[in-house]
Amino acid sequence: MSFITSMLGHLNYGTIFILMLLESTVIPVPSELVVAPAAYHAAAGNLDIWLVILFSTLGADVGATINYLAGWYLGRPIIYKFANSKWGHLCLLNQEKVEKSERYFDEHGMVATITGRLLPGIRHLISIPAGLAKMSYWKFLLYTTIGAASWHTILALLGHYMHSFVPEDQLQEKILEYGEYIKFGLIFLVIVVCFYFLVKWYVKKKKNNKNHSQQV
């Protein structure tokens, strides 16, 4: 998509917002190649790193809201039909990916809207099952903002750090290289967080069962 390529070559707060909005819907825009380069330019004094994080997160919130509303109002059959259509395939989408995001949401509950924002392949679709499940919008927005802001902060710090030793013509290659290490680290972090909530849920359930048996 030439217009996306054009915006990637002219990063400012407006294009950052639009690109992150698209990335949080179904348009295949890699956030690594938006936020990190923007922060790289911020280190050179062309942008402000905190505004980069702010506008990227706002864009992600708007894009995620679009997916959330689609899940809420359109329902599963229409979502699947689009995923299996020509347009869905052009967006690198298919029913299997949507089902994968649904399984992740079902297994991890509302916290999935935070942790899912950190996972490749799940990040831009996790809002759909939240809408399908009729999750409270304000809770959804809060969790989405936390997850998106955390991911964008990591990318921004990476781009800002790279300015000191990576030439601009090698930036994209290095971002993708470092991004792989970050993804593995985040996947490990998500597993730890999910394990924590699982243990917390188990302890609470066991405590409730014990209280119930005592009352009986």
N, C-alpha and C. Protein backbone atom coordinates (compact mmCIF):
# COMPACT_ATOMS: atom_id res chain seq x y z
N MET A 1 0.85 -1.19 0.00
CA MET A 1 0.00 0.00 0.00
C MET A 1 0.88 1.23 0.00
N SER A 2 0.85 1.95 -1.12
CA SER A 2 1.78 3.05 -1.32
C SER A 2 1.55 4.20 -0.34
N PHE A 3 0.25 4.44 0.05
CA PHE A 3 -0.01 5.55 0.97
C PHE A 3 0.56 5.26 2.35
N ILE A 4 0.57 3.98 2.76
CA ILE A 4 1.19 3.62 4.05
C ILE A 4 2.69 3.80 3.97
N THR A 5 3.29 3.36 2.87
CA THR A 5 4.73 3.54 2.66
C THR A 5 5.09 5.01 2.70
N SER A 6 4.25 5.84 2.08
CA SER A 6 4.49 7.28 2.06
C SER A 6 4.44 7.86 3.47
N MET A 7 3.46 7.43 4.26
CA MET A 7 3.37 7.93 5.64
C MET A 7 4.53 7.45 6.49
N LEU A 8 4.99 6.22 6.26
CA LEU A 8 6.14 5.71 7.01
C LEU A 8 7.39 6.54 6.73
N GLY A 9 7.44 7.13 5.52
CA GLY A 9 8.58 7.95 5.16
C GLY A 9 8.46 9.39 5.63
N HIS A 10 7.29 9.76 6.15
CA HIS A 10 7.07 11.13 6.62
C HIS A 10 6.38 11.09 7.98
N LEU A 11 7.10 10.62 8.97
CA LEU A 11 6.51 10.45 10.30
C LEU A 11 6.38 11.78 11.03
N ASN A 12 5.17 12.08 11.45
CA ASN A 12 4.89 13.19 12.35
C ASN A 12 3.77 12.72 13.27
N TYR A 13 3.29 13.57 14.16
CA TYR A 13 2.29 13.11 15.13
C TYR A 13 1.00 12.66 14.44
N GLY A 14 0.64 13.33 13.35
CA GLY A 14 -0.57 12.96 12.61
C GLY A 14 -0.44 11.60 11.95
N THR A 15 0.68 11.37 11.25
CA THR A 15 0.85 10.08 10.57
C THR A 15 1.05 8.95 11.57
N ILE A 16 1.68 9.25 12.70
CA ILE A 16 1.83 8.23 13.76
C ILE A 16 0.45 7.80 14.25
N PHE A 17 -0.42 8.78 14.51
CA PHE A 17 -1.78 8.49 14.97
C PHE A 17 -2.53 7.63 13.95
N ILE A 18 -2.48 8.02 12.69
CA ILE A 18 -3.21 7.30 11.64
C ILE A 18 -2.67 5.88 11.46
N LEU A 19 -1.35 5.75 11.41
CA LEU A 19 -0.75 4.43 11.21
C LEU A 19 -1.06 3.49 12.37
N MET A 20 -1.04 3.99 13.59
CA MET A 20 -1.35 3.14 14.73
C MET A 20 -2.85 2.84 14.82
N LEU A 21 -3.67 3.75 14.30
CA LEU A 21 -5.10 3.47 14.19
C LEU A 21 -5.31 2.29 13.24
N LEU A 22 -4.64 2.36 12.08
CA LEU A 22 -4.76 1.29 11.09
C LEU A 22 -4.23 -0.03 11.64
N GLU A 23 -3.10 0.03 12.35
CA GLU A 23 -2.47 -1.18 12.89
C GLU A 23 -3.37 -1.87 13.90
N SER A 24 -4.22 -1.10 14.57
CA SER A 24 -5.11 -1.69 15.58
C SER A 24 -6.43 -2.15 15.00
N THR A 25 -6.63 -1.96 13.69
CA THR A 25 -7.82 -2.53 13.05
C THR A 25 -7.39 -3.84 12.38
N VAL A 26 -7.46 -3.89 11.05
CA VAL A 26 -7.04 -5.12 10.36
C VAL A 26 -6.02 -4.82 9.27
N ILE A 27 -5.53 -3.58 9.21
CA ILE A 27 -4.55 -3.20 8.20
C ILE A 27 -3.16 -3.60 8.69
N PRO A 28 -2.39 -4.35 7.89
CA PRO A 28 -1.08 -4.83 8.35
C PRO A 28 -0.01 -3.74 8.36
N VAL A 29 -0.01 -2.94 9.43
CA VAL A 29 1.01 -1.90 9.62
C VAL A 29 1.85 -2.30 10.83
N PRO A 30 3.12 -2.61 10.66
CA PRO A 30 3.95 -3.03 11.80
C PRO A 30 4.29 -1.84 12.71
N SER A 31 3.84 -1.90 13.95
CA SER A 31 4.08 -0.80 14.89
C SER A 31 5.58 -0.58 15.14
N GLU A 32 6.36 -1.66 15.00
CA GLU A 32 7.81 -1.54 15.20
C GLU A 32 8.43 -0.54 14.23
N LEU A 33 7.87 -0.46 13.02
CA LEU A 33 8.42 0.42 11.99
C LEU A 33 7.77 1.79 11.98
N VAL A 34 6.97 2.06 13.01
CA VAL A 34 6.37 3.38 13.17
C VAL A 34 6.90 4.06 14.43
N VAL A 35 6.66 3.41 15.57
CA VAL A 35 7.00 4.03 16.85
C VAL A 35 8.51 4.14 17.07
N ALA A 36 9.23 3.05 16.79
CA ALA A 36 10.69 3.07 17.00
C ALA A 36 11.38 4.11 16.12
N PRO A 37 11.10 4.18 14.80
CA PRO A 37 11.71 5.22 13.97
C PRO A 37 11.31 6.63 14.41
N ALA A 38 10.05 6.79 14.85
CA ALA A 38 9.62 8.11 15.32
C ALA A 38 10.42 8.53 16.54
N ALA A 39 10.66 7.59 17.46
CA ALA A 39 11.46 7.88 18.65
C ALA A 39 12.93 8.12 18.27
N TYR A 40 13.39 7.44 17.25
CA TYR A 40 14.75 7.65 16.71
C TYR A 40 14.90 9.11 16.28
N HIS A 41 13.89 9.62 15.57
CA HIS A 41 13.92 11.03 15.14
C HIS A 41 13.72 11.97 16.32
N ALA A 42 12.99 11.50 17.34
CA ALA A 42 12.83 12.32 18.54
C ALA A 42 14.17 12.53 19.23
N ALA A 43 15.01 11.50 19.21
CA ALA A 43 16.35 11.61 19.82
C ALA A 43 17.20 12.64 19.08
N ALA A 44 16.87 12.84 17.80
CA ALA A 44 17.60 13.84 17.00
C ALA A 44 17.01 15.24 17.17
N GLY A 45 15.93 15.34 17.93
CA GLY A 45 15.32 16.64 18.21
C GLY A 45 14.19 17.02 17.28
N ASN A 46 13.78 16.10 16.39
CA ASN A 46 12.73 16.42 15.42
C ASN A 46 11.32 16.20 15.97
N LEU A 47 11.19 15.32 16.95
CA LEU A 47 9.90 15.05 17.59
C LEU A 47 10.11 14.95 19.09
N ASP A 48 9.04 14.86 19.83
CA ASP A 48 9.11 14.66 21.28
C ASP A 48 8.72 13.22 21.58
N ILE A 49 9.55 12.48 22.29
CA ILE A 49 9.32 11.06 22.51
C ILE A 49 8.03 10.79 23.28
N TRP A 50 7.67 11.68 24.21
CA TRP A 50 6.45 11.46 24.99
C TRP A 50 5.21 11.69 24.14
N LEU A 51 5.30 12.64 23.20
CA LEU A 51 4.18 12.85 22.28
C LEU A 51 4.08 11.71 21.27
N VAL A 52 5.22 11.12 20.91
CA VAL A 52 5.21 9.94 20.04
C VAL A 52 4.42 8.81 20.72
N ILE A 53 4.72 8.57 21.99
CA ILE A 53 4.01 7.53 22.75
C ILE A 53 2.54 7.87 22.89
N LEU A 54 2.24 9.15 23.17
CA LEU A 54 0.86 9.59 23.36
C LEU A 54 0.03 9.39 22.09
N PHE A 55 0.53 9.89 20.95
CA PHE A 55 -0.25 9.82 19.72
C PHE A 55 -0.35 8.40 19.18
N SER A 56 0.68 7.61 19.39
CA SER A 56 0.61 6.21 18.95
C SER A 56 -0.42 5.45 19.79
N THR A 57 -0.49 5.74 21.08
CA THR A 57 -1.45 5.08 21.96
C THR A 57 -2.88 5.53 21.68
N LEU A 58 -3.05 6.83 21.41
CA LEU A 58 -4.38 7.33 21.05
C LEU A 58 -4.86 6.69 19.75
N GLY A 59 -3.95 6.57 18.78
CA GLY A 59 -4.30 5.92 17.53
C GLY A 59 -4.70 4.47 17.74
N ALA A 60 -3.93 3.78 18.60
CA ALA A 60 -4.24 2.38 18.91
C ALA A 60 -5.61 2.26 19.59
N ASP A 61 -5.93 3.20 20.47
CA ASP A 61 -7.22 3.18 21.16
C ASP A 61 -8.38 3.34 20.17
N VAL A 62 -8.22 4.27 19.22
CA VAL A 62 -9.29 4.50 18.24
C VAL A 62 -9.45 3.27 17.34
N GLY A 63 -8.32 2.73 16.85
CA GLY A 63 -8.37 1.55 16.00
C GLY A 63 -8.97 0.35 16.73
N ALA A 64 -8.56 0.17 17.98
CA ALA A 64 -9.09 -0.94 18.79
C ALA A 64 -10.59 -0.78 19.02
N THR A 65 -11.03 0.47 19.19
CA THR A 65 -12.45 0.74 19.39
C THR A 65 -13.26 0.34 18.16
N ILE A 66 -12.71 0.59 16.97
CA ILE A 66 -13.38 0.20 15.73
C ILE A 66 -13.58 -1.32 15.70
N ASN A 67 -12.53 -2.07 16.03
CA ASN A 67 -12.64 -3.53 16.08
C ASN A 67 -13.63 -3.99 17.15
N TYR A 68 -13.59 -3.33 18.28
CA TYR A 68 -14.49 -3.66 19.40
C TYR A 68 -15.95 -3.48 18.97
N LEU A 69 -16.23 -2.35 18.32
CA LEU A 69 -17.60 -2.07 17.87
C LEU A 69 -18.03 -3.05 16.77
N ALA A 70 -17.07 -3.43 15.91
CA ALA A 70 -17.37 -4.41 14.87
C ALA A 70 -17.77 -5.74 15.50
N GLY A 71 -17.02 -6.16 16.52
CA GLY A 71 -17.35 -7.40 17.22
C GLY A 71 -18.69 -7.31 17.93
N TRP A 72 -18.95 -6.16 18.55
CA TRP A 72 -20.18 -5.98 19.33
C TRP A 72 -21.41 -5.99 18.42
N TYR A 73 -21.39 -5.22 17.32
CA TYR A 73 -22.57 -5.02 16.50
C TYR A 73 -22.70 -5.97 15.31
N LEU A 74 -21.57 -6.40 14.73
CA LEU A 74 -21.65 -7.25 13.55
C LEU A 74 -21.82 -8.73 13.90
N GLY A 75 -21.16 -9.15 14.97
CA GLY A 75 -21.28 -10.55 15.38
C GLY A 75 -20.30 -11.47 14.67
N ARG A 76 -20.21 -12.67 15.17
CA ARG A 76 -19.23 -13.64 14.70
C ARG A 76 -19.39 -14.03 13.23
N PRO A 77 -20.61 -14.34 12.74
CA PRO A 77 -20.74 -14.77 11.34
C PRO A 77 -20.21 -13.75 10.33
N ILE A 78 -20.52 -12.47 10.54
CA ILE A 78 -20.06 -11.45 9.60
C ILE A 78 -18.56 -11.23 9.73
N ILE A 79 -18.03 -11.28 10.95
CA ILE A 79 -16.58 -11.14 11.16
C ILE A 79 -15.84 -12.26 10.43
N TYR A 80 -16.34 -13.49 10.58
CA TYR A 80 -15.71 -14.63 9.91
C TYR A 80 -15.82 -14.51 8.39
N LYS A 81 -16.97 -14.04 7.92
CA LYS A 81 -17.17 -13.89 6.48
C LYS A 81 -16.17 -12.90 5.90
N PHE A 82 -15.94 -11.79 6.61
CA PHE A 82 -14.96 -10.81 6.14
C PHE A 82 -13.55 -11.39 6.19
N ALA A 83 -13.24 -12.12 7.27
CA ALA A 83 -11.90 -12.71 7.42
C ALA A 83 -11.58 -13.67 6.28
N ASN A 84 -12.60 -14.35 5.79
CA ASN A 84 -12.42 -15.33 4.72
C ASN A 84 -12.57 -14.74 3.32
N SER A 85 -12.87 -13.44 3.25
CA SER A 85 -13.09 -12.79 1.96
C SER A 85 -11.77 -12.36 1.33
N LYS A 86 -11.85 -11.90 0.09
CA LYS A 86 -10.68 -11.39 -0.62
C LYS A 86 -10.08 -10.21 0.11
N TRP A 87 -10.94 -9.31 0.59
CA TRP A 87 -10.45 -8.13 1.30
C TRP A 87 -9.79 -8.52 2.62
N GLY A 88 -10.36 -9.50 3.28
CA GLY A 88 -9.76 -9.97 4.52
C GLY A 88 -8.38 -10.56 4.28
N HIS A 89 -8.23 -11.32 3.19
CA HIS A 89 -6.94 -11.91 2.86
C HIS A 89 -5.92 -10.85 2.47
N LEU A 90 -6.38 -9.76 1.84
CA LEU A 90 -5.48 -8.65 1.50
C LEU A 90 -4.94 -7.99 2.77
N CYS A 91 -5.72 -8.07 3.83
CA CYS A 91 -5.30 -7.53 5.14
C CYS A 91 -4.56 -8.58 5.97
N LEU A 92 -4.16 -9.67 5.31
CA LEU A 92 -3.46 -10.78 5.97
C LEU A 92 -4.30 -11.38 7.08
N LEU A 93 -5.61 -11.43 6.85
CA LEU A 93 -6.54 -11.92 7.84
C LEU A 93 -7.19 -13.21 7.36
N ASN A 94 -7.53 -14.09 8.29
CA ASN A 94 -8.31 -15.28 7.97
C ASN A 94 -9.05 -15.71 9.24
N GLN A 95 -9.96 -16.66 9.07
CA GLN A 95 -10.78 -17.09 10.20
C GLN A 95 -9.94 -17.71 11.31
N GLU A 96 -8.88 -18.41 10.94
CA GLU A 96 -8.02 -19.05 11.94
C GLU A 96 -7.41 -18.02 12.89
N LYS A 97 -6.99 -16.87 12.34
CA LYS A 97 -6.40 -15.83 13.19
C LYS A 97 -7.43 -15.24 14.14
N VAL A 98 -8.64 -15.04 13.64
CA VAL A 98 -9.70 -14.50 14.50
C VAL A 98 -10.03 -15.49 15.61
N GLU A 99 -10.13 -16.78 15.24
CA GLU A 99 -10.42 -17.81 16.24
C GLU A 99 -9.31 -17.90 17.27
N LYS A 100 -8.06 -17.72 16.83
CA LYS A 100 -6.92 -17.75 17.75
C LYS A 100 -7.04 -16.62 18.78
N SER A 101 -7.42 -15.43 18.32
CA SER A 101 -7.58 -14.30 19.25
C SER A 101 -8.75 -14.56 20.20
N GLU A 102 -9.81 -15.21 19.71
CA GLU A 102 -10.95 -15.54 20.57
C GLU A 102 -10.55 -16.54 21.66
N ARG A 103 -9.79 -17.55 21.27
CA ARG A 103 -9.33 -18.55 22.25
C ARG A 103 -8.47 -17.88 23.32
N TYR A 104 -7.60 -16.98 22.88
CA TYR A 104 -6.73 -16.29 23.84
C TYR A 104 -7.57 -15.47 24.81
N PHE A 105 -8.59 -14.78 24.30
CA PHE A 105 -9.46 -13.98 25.15
C PHE A 105 -10.25 -14.86 26.11
N ASP A 106 -10.77 -15.98 25.60
CA ASP A 106 -11.55 -16.89 26.44
C ASP A 106 -10.71 -17.50 27.55
N GLU A 107 -9.45 -17.81 27.25
CA GLU A 107 -8.57 -18.46 28.22
C GLU A 107 -8.06 -17.49 29.28
N HIS A 108 -7.90 -16.22 28.91
CA HIS A 108 -7.26 -15.28 29.82
C HIS A 108 -8.20 -14.17 30.32
N GLY A 109 -9.43 -14.17 29.84
CA GLY A 109 -10.40 -13.20 30.32
C GLY A 109 -10.05 -11.77 29.94
N MET A 110 -10.56 -10.84 30.73
CA MET A 110 -10.42 -9.42 30.40
C MET A 110 -8.96 -8.96 30.39
N VAL A 111 -8.10 -9.63 31.18
CA VAL A 111 -6.69 -9.25 31.21
C VAL A 111 -6.04 -9.47 29.85
N ALA A 112 -6.70 -10.26 28.98
CA ALA A 112 -6.17 -10.50 27.63
C ALA A 112 -6.08 -9.22 26.83
N THR A 113 -6.91 -8.23 27.14
CA THR A 113 -6.86 -6.97 26.41
C THR A 113 -5.60 -6.17 26.75
N ILE A 114 -4.95 -6.53 27.88
CA ILE A 114 -3.65 -5.92 28.21
C ILE A 114 -2.54 -6.77 27.61
N THR A 115 -2.50 -8.02 28.00
CA THR A 115 -1.40 -8.89 27.57
C THR A 115 -1.44 -9.14 26.07
N GLY A 116 -2.66 -9.19 25.49
CA GLY A 116 -2.77 -9.43 24.06
C GLY A 116 -2.15 -8.33 23.22
N ARG A 117 -2.10 -7.11 23.75
CA ARG A 117 -1.50 -6.00 23.02
C ARG A 117 0.01 -6.17 22.87
N LEU A 118 0.58 -7.07 23.64
CA LEU A 118 2.03 -7.27 23.60
C LEU A 118 2.44 -8.43 22.70
N LEU A 119 1.46 -9.15 22.16
CA LEU A 119 1.77 -10.36 21.41
C LEU A 119 1.56 -10.18 19.91
N PRO A 120 2.56 -10.53 19.09
CA PRO A 120 2.38 -10.49 17.64
C PRO A 120 1.34 -11.50 17.18
N GLY A 121 0.52 -11.10 16.20
CA GLY A 121 -0.52 -11.99 15.71
C GLY A 121 -1.82 -11.90 16.50
N ILE A 122 -1.73 -11.39 17.73
CA ILE A 122 -2.90 -11.24 18.59
C ILE A 122 -3.24 -9.76 18.75
N ARG A 123 -2.19 -8.94 18.74
CA ARG A 123 -2.29 -7.53 19.11
C ARG A 123 -3.43 -6.79 18.43
N HIS A 124 -3.53 -6.89 17.11
CA HIS A 124 -4.51 -6.08 16.40
C HIS A 124 -5.89 -6.73 16.33
N LEU A 125 -6.03 -7.98 16.81
CA LEU A 125 -7.32 -8.66 16.73
C LEU A 125 -8.00 -8.87 18.08
N ILE A 126 -7.27 -8.66 19.17
CA ILE A 126 -7.80 -8.97 20.49
C ILE A 126 -9.04 -8.15 20.83
N SER A 127 -9.22 -7.01 20.16
CA SER A 127 -10.39 -6.16 20.43
C SER A 127 -11.68 -6.79 19.92
N ILE A 128 -11.58 -7.63 18.89
CA ILE A 128 -12.79 -8.24 18.32
C ILE A 128 -13.49 -9.16 19.31
N PRO A 129 -12.78 -10.13 19.93
CA PRO A 129 -13.47 -10.97 20.92
C PRO A 129 -13.95 -10.20 22.14
N ALA A 130 -13.30 -9.08 22.46
CA ALA A 130 -13.78 -8.24 23.57
C ALA A 130 -15.15 -7.68 23.23
N GLY A 131 -15.33 -7.27 21.97
CA GLY A 131 -16.63 -6.79 21.52
C GLY A 131 -17.65 -7.90 21.44
N LEU A 132 -17.24 -9.06 20.94
CA LEU A 132 -18.15 -10.21 20.86
C LEU A 132 -18.65 -10.62 22.24
N ALA A 133 -17.76 -10.50 23.24
CA ALA A 133 -18.12 -10.88 24.61
C ALA A 133 -18.88 -9.78 25.34
N LYS A 134 -19.14 -8.64 24.67
CA LYS A 134 -19.86 -7.52 25.27
C LYS A 134 -19.16 -7.00 26.53
N MET A 135 -17.84 -6.99 26.49
CA MET A 135 -17.05 -6.46 27.61
C MET A 135 -17.37 -4.98 27.79
N SER A 136 -17.38 -4.52 29.03
CA SER A 136 -17.61 -3.10 29.32
C SER A 136 -16.63 -2.24 28.52
N TYR A 137 -17.15 -1.25 27.78
CA TYR A 137 -16.28 -0.47 26.91
C TYR A 137 -15.21 0.28 27.70
N TRP A 138 -15.57 0.89 28.82
CA TRP A 138 -14.61 1.71 29.55
C TRP A 138 -13.51 0.85 30.18
N LYS A 139 -13.89 -0.35 30.60
CA LYS A 139 -12.87 -1.27 31.11
C LYS A 139 -11.98 -1.73 29.96
N PHE A 140 -12.60 -2.02 28.82
CA PHE A 140 -11.85 -2.40 27.61
C PHE A 140 -10.87 -1.29 27.22
N LEU A 141 -11.34 -0.04 27.22
CA LEU A 141 -10.49 1.08 26.83
C LEU A 141 -9.33 1.26 27.79
N LEU A 142 -9.60 1.10 29.09
CA LEU A 142 -8.54 1.23 30.09
C LEU A 142 -7.46 0.18 29.87
N TYR A 143 -7.88 -1.08 29.73
CA TYR A 143 -6.92 -2.17 29.55
C TYR A 143 -6.17 -2.04 28.23
N THR A 144 -6.87 -1.62 27.19
CA THR A 144 -6.23 -1.43 25.89
C THR A 144 -5.17 -0.34 25.97
N THR A 145 -5.50 0.75 26.66
CA THR A 145 -4.56 1.86 26.80
C THR A 145 -3.31 1.43 27.56
N ILE A 146 -3.50 0.66 28.63
CA ILE A 146 -2.35 0.18 29.40
C ILE A 146 -1.46 -0.70 28.53
N GLY A 147 -2.08 -1.65 27.82
CA GLY A 147 -1.30 -2.57 26.97
C GLY A 147 -0.60 -1.85 25.83
N ALA A 148 -1.34 -0.96 25.14
CA ALA A 148 -0.77 -0.25 24.00
C ALA A 148 0.34 0.70 24.45
N ALA A 149 0.11 1.43 25.53
CA ALA A 149 1.11 2.37 26.02
C ALA A 149 2.38 1.63 26.45
N SER A 150 2.23 0.47 27.05
CA SER A 150 3.39 -0.32 27.47
C SER A 150 4.22 -0.76 26.26
N TRP A 151 3.53 -1.27 25.24
CA TRP A 151 4.22 -1.72 24.02
C TRP A 151 4.89 -0.55 23.30
N HIS A 152 4.20 0.56 23.19
CA HIS A 152 4.76 1.73 22.48
C HIS A 152 5.92 2.34 23.26
N THR A 153 5.86 2.29 24.57
CA THR A 153 6.97 2.80 25.38
C THR A 153 8.22 1.96 25.14
N ILE A 154 8.06 0.64 25.09
CA ILE A 154 9.19 -0.25 24.80
C ILE A 154 9.80 0.06 23.44
N LEU A 155 8.94 0.21 22.43
CA LEU A 155 9.43 0.52 21.09
C LEU A 155 10.10 1.90 21.03
N ALA A 156 9.50 2.86 21.74
CA ALA A 156 10.06 4.22 21.74
C ALA A 156 11.45 4.24 22.40
N LEU A 157 11.59 3.54 23.50
CA LEU A 157 12.89 3.47 24.18
C LEU A 157 13.93 2.79 23.29
N LEU A 158 13.49 1.77 22.56
CA LEU A 158 14.39 1.08 21.63
C LEU A 158 14.86 2.04 20.54
N GLY A 159 13.92 2.75 19.91
CA GLY A 159 14.29 3.68 18.85
C GLY A 159 15.17 4.81 19.35
N HIS A 160 14.85 5.33 20.52
CA HIS A 160 15.64 6.42 21.11
C HIS A 160 17.06 5.95 21.41
N TYR A 161 17.18 4.75 21.94
CA TYR A 161 18.49 4.17 22.27
C TYR A 161 19.32 3.94 21.00
N MET A 162 18.69 3.48 19.93
CA MET A 162 19.39 3.16 18.69
C MET A 162 20.00 4.40 18.02
N HIS A 163 19.46 5.56 18.32
CA HIS A 163 19.96 6.78 17.68
C HIS A 163 21.44 7.00 17.95
N SER A 164 21.92 6.50 19.07
CA SER A 164 23.31 6.75 19.45
C SER A 164 24.32 5.89 18.71
N PHE A 165 23.85 4.81 18.05
CA PHE A 165 24.85 3.93 17.41
C PHE A 165 24.41 3.30 16.08
N VAL A 166 23.16 3.51 15.67
CA VAL A 166 22.68 2.91 14.41
C VAL A 166 22.49 4.00 13.35
N PRO A 167 23.16 3.91 12.21
CA PRO A 167 22.93 4.86 11.11
C PRO A 167 21.50 4.74 10.60
N GLU A 168 20.93 5.84 10.13
CA GLU A 168 19.52 5.84 9.72
C GLU A 168 19.23 4.85 8.60
N ASP A 169 20.19 4.64 7.70
CA ASP A 169 19.95 3.73 6.58
C ASP A 169 19.92 2.26 7.02
N GLN A 170 20.34 1.98 8.27
CA GLN A 170 20.31 0.62 8.80
C GLN A 170 19.22 0.45 9.87
N LEU A 171 18.47 1.51 10.09
CA LEU A 171 17.53 1.53 11.21
C LEU A 171 16.47 0.44 11.10
N GLN A 172 15.81 0.33 9.97
CA GLN A 172 14.73 -0.65 9.81
C GLN A 172 15.22 -2.07 10.05
N GLU A 173 16.36 -2.40 9.48
CA GLU A 173 16.93 -3.74 9.65
C GLU A 173 17.22 -4.04 11.12
N LYS A 174 17.81 -3.07 11.82
CA LYS A 174 18.16 -3.27 13.23
C LYS A 174 16.92 -3.34 14.12
N ILE A 175 15.89 -2.55 13.78
CA ILE A 175 14.66 -2.58 14.57
C ILE A 175 14.02 -3.96 14.50
N LEU A 176 13.98 -4.52 13.28
CA LEU A 176 13.40 -5.85 13.11
C LEU A 176 14.23 -6.91 13.83
N GLU A 177 15.55 -6.73 13.82
CA GLU A 177 16.43 -7.68 14.49
C GLU A 177 16.21 -7.63 16.00
N TYR A 178 16.26 -6.43 16.58
CA TYR A 178 16.06 -6.27 18.02
C TYR A 178 14.61 -6.62 18.40
N GLY A 179 13.68 -6.34 17.46
CA GLY A 179 12.28 -6.61 17.73
C GLY A 179 12.00 -8.07 18.01
N GLU A 180 12.74 -8.96 17.35
CA GLU A 180 12.56 -10.39 17.59
C GLU A 180 12.90 -10.75 19.03
N TYR A 181 14.00 -10.18 19.55
CA TYR A 181 14.39 -10.44 20.95
C TYR A 181 13.33 -9.90 21.90
N ILE A 182 12.81 -8.72 21.57
CA ILE A 182 11.80 -8.11 22.42
C ILE A 182 10.53 -8.96 22.44
N LYS A 183 10.14 -9.49 21.28
CA LYS A 183 8.94 -10.32 21.19
C LYS A 183 9.05 -11.56 22.07
N PHE A 184 10.22 -12.21 22.02
CA PHE A 184 10.41 -13.40 22.86
C PHE A 184 10.34 -13.03 24.34
N GLY A 185 10.94 -11.89 24.67
CA GLY A 185 10.91 -11.43 26.06
C GLY A 185 9.49 -11.12 26.52
N LEU A 186 8.70 -10.49 25.63
CA LEU A 186 7.33 -10.14 25.98
C LEU A 186 6.45 -11.37 26.10
N ILE A 187 6.67 -12.34 25.23
CA ILE A 187 5.91 -13.58 25.32
C ILE A 187 6.16 -14.25 26.67
N PHE A 188 7.43 -14.25 27.11
CA PHE A 188 7.77 -14.81 28.42
C PHE A 188 7.07 -14.01 29.52
N LEU A 189 7.08 -12.68 29.38
CA LEU A 189 6.44 -11.82 30.38
C LEU A 189 4.94 -12.09 30.45
N VAL A 190 4.30 -12.24 29.29
CA VAL A 190 2.87 -12.52 29.24
C VAL A 190 2.56 -13.85 29.92
N ILE A 191 3.40 -14.85 29.68
CA ILE A 191 3.21 -16.16 30.32
C ILE A 191 3.27 -16.03 31.84
N VAL A 192 4.24 -15.24 32.32
CA VAL A 192 4.39 -15.03 33.76
C VAL A 192 3.15 -14.33 34.33
N VAL A 193 2.67 -13.30 33.62
CA VAL A 193 1.49 -12.55 34.08
C VAL A 193 0.27 -13.46 34.11
N CYS A 194 0.09 -14.24 33.05
CA CYS A 194 -1.06 -15.16 32.99
C CYS A 194 -0.99 -16.20 34.11
N PHE A 195 0.22 -16.69 34.39
CA PHE A 195 0.40 -17.66 35.46
C PHE A 195 0.03 -17.03 36.81
N TYR A 196 0.42 -15.76 36.99
CA TYR A 196 0.10 -15.04 38.23
C TYR A 196 -1.41 -14.95 38.43
N PHE A 197 -2.13 -14.55 37.36
CA PHE A 197 -3.58 -14.42 37.48
C PHE A 197 -4.26 -15.77 37.65
N LEU A 198 -3.68 -16.82 37.06
CA LEU A 198 -4.23 -18.15 37.22
C LEU A 198 -4.10 -18.61 38.67
N VAL A 199 -2.93 -18.40 39.26
CA VAL A 199 -2.70 -18.76 40.66
C VAL A 199 -3.63 -17.95 41.57
N LYS A 200 -3.76 -16.66 41.26
CA LYS A 200 -4.62 -15.78 42.05
C LYS A 200 -6.07 -16.26 42.00
N TRP A 201 -6.51 -16.65 40.79
CA TRP A 201 -7.88 -17.15 40.63
C TRP A 201 -8.06 -18.46 41.39
N TYR A 202 -7.07 -19.34 41.34
CA TYR A 202 -7.15 -20.64 42.00
C TYR A 202 -7.23 -20.47 43.52
N VAL A 203 -6.39 -19.58 44.06
CA VAL A 203 -6.37 -19.34 45.51
C VAL A 203 -7.71 -18.76 45.96
N LYS A 204 -8.24 -17.82 45.17
CA LYS A 204 -9.53 -17.21 45.51
C LYS A 204 -10.65 -18.24 45.48
N LYS A 205 -10.62 -19.10 44.46
CA LYS A 205 -11.65 -20.14 44.33
C LYS A 205 -11.58 -21.11 45.50
N LYS A 206 -10.35 -21.50 45.86
CA LYS A 206 -10.16 -22.44 46.96
C LYS A 206 -10.64 -21.83 48.28
N LYS A 207 -10.37 -20.53 48.44
CA LYS A 207 -10.79 -19.83 49.66
C LYS A 207 -12.30 -19.74 49.73
N ASN A 208 -12.95 -19.47 48.59
CA ASN A 208 -14.41 -19.38 48.55
C ASN A 208 -15.05 -20.74 48.84
N ASN A 209 -14.45 -21.80 48.30
CA ASN A 209 -14.96 -23.15 48.56
C ASN A 209 -14.85 -23.52 50.04
N LYS A 210 -13.72 -23.09 50.63
CA LYS A 210 -13.50 -23.37 52.05
C LYS A 210 -14.53 -22.64 52.89
N ASN A 211 -14.79 -21.35 52.58
CA ASN A 211 -15.77 -20.56 53.33
C ASN A 211 -17.16 -21.14 53.17
N HIS A 212 -17.45 -21.61 51.96
CA HIS A 212 -18.77 -22.19 51.69
C HIS A 212 -18.98 -23.47 52.50
N SER A 213 -17.94 -24.31 52.57
CA SER A 213 -18.03 -25.58 53.31
C SER A 213 -18.18 -25.32 54.81
N GLN A 214 -17.54 -24.26 55.30
CA GLN A 214 -17.66 -23.92 56.72
C GLN A 214 -19.06 -23.44 57.08
N GLN A 215 -19.67 -22.69 56.11
CA GLN A 215 -21.02 -22.20 56.35
C GLN A 215 -22.03 -23.34 56.36
N VAL A 216 -21.76 -24.36 55.52
CA VAL A 216 -22.66 -25.52 55.46
C VAL A 216 -22.52 -26.34 56.73
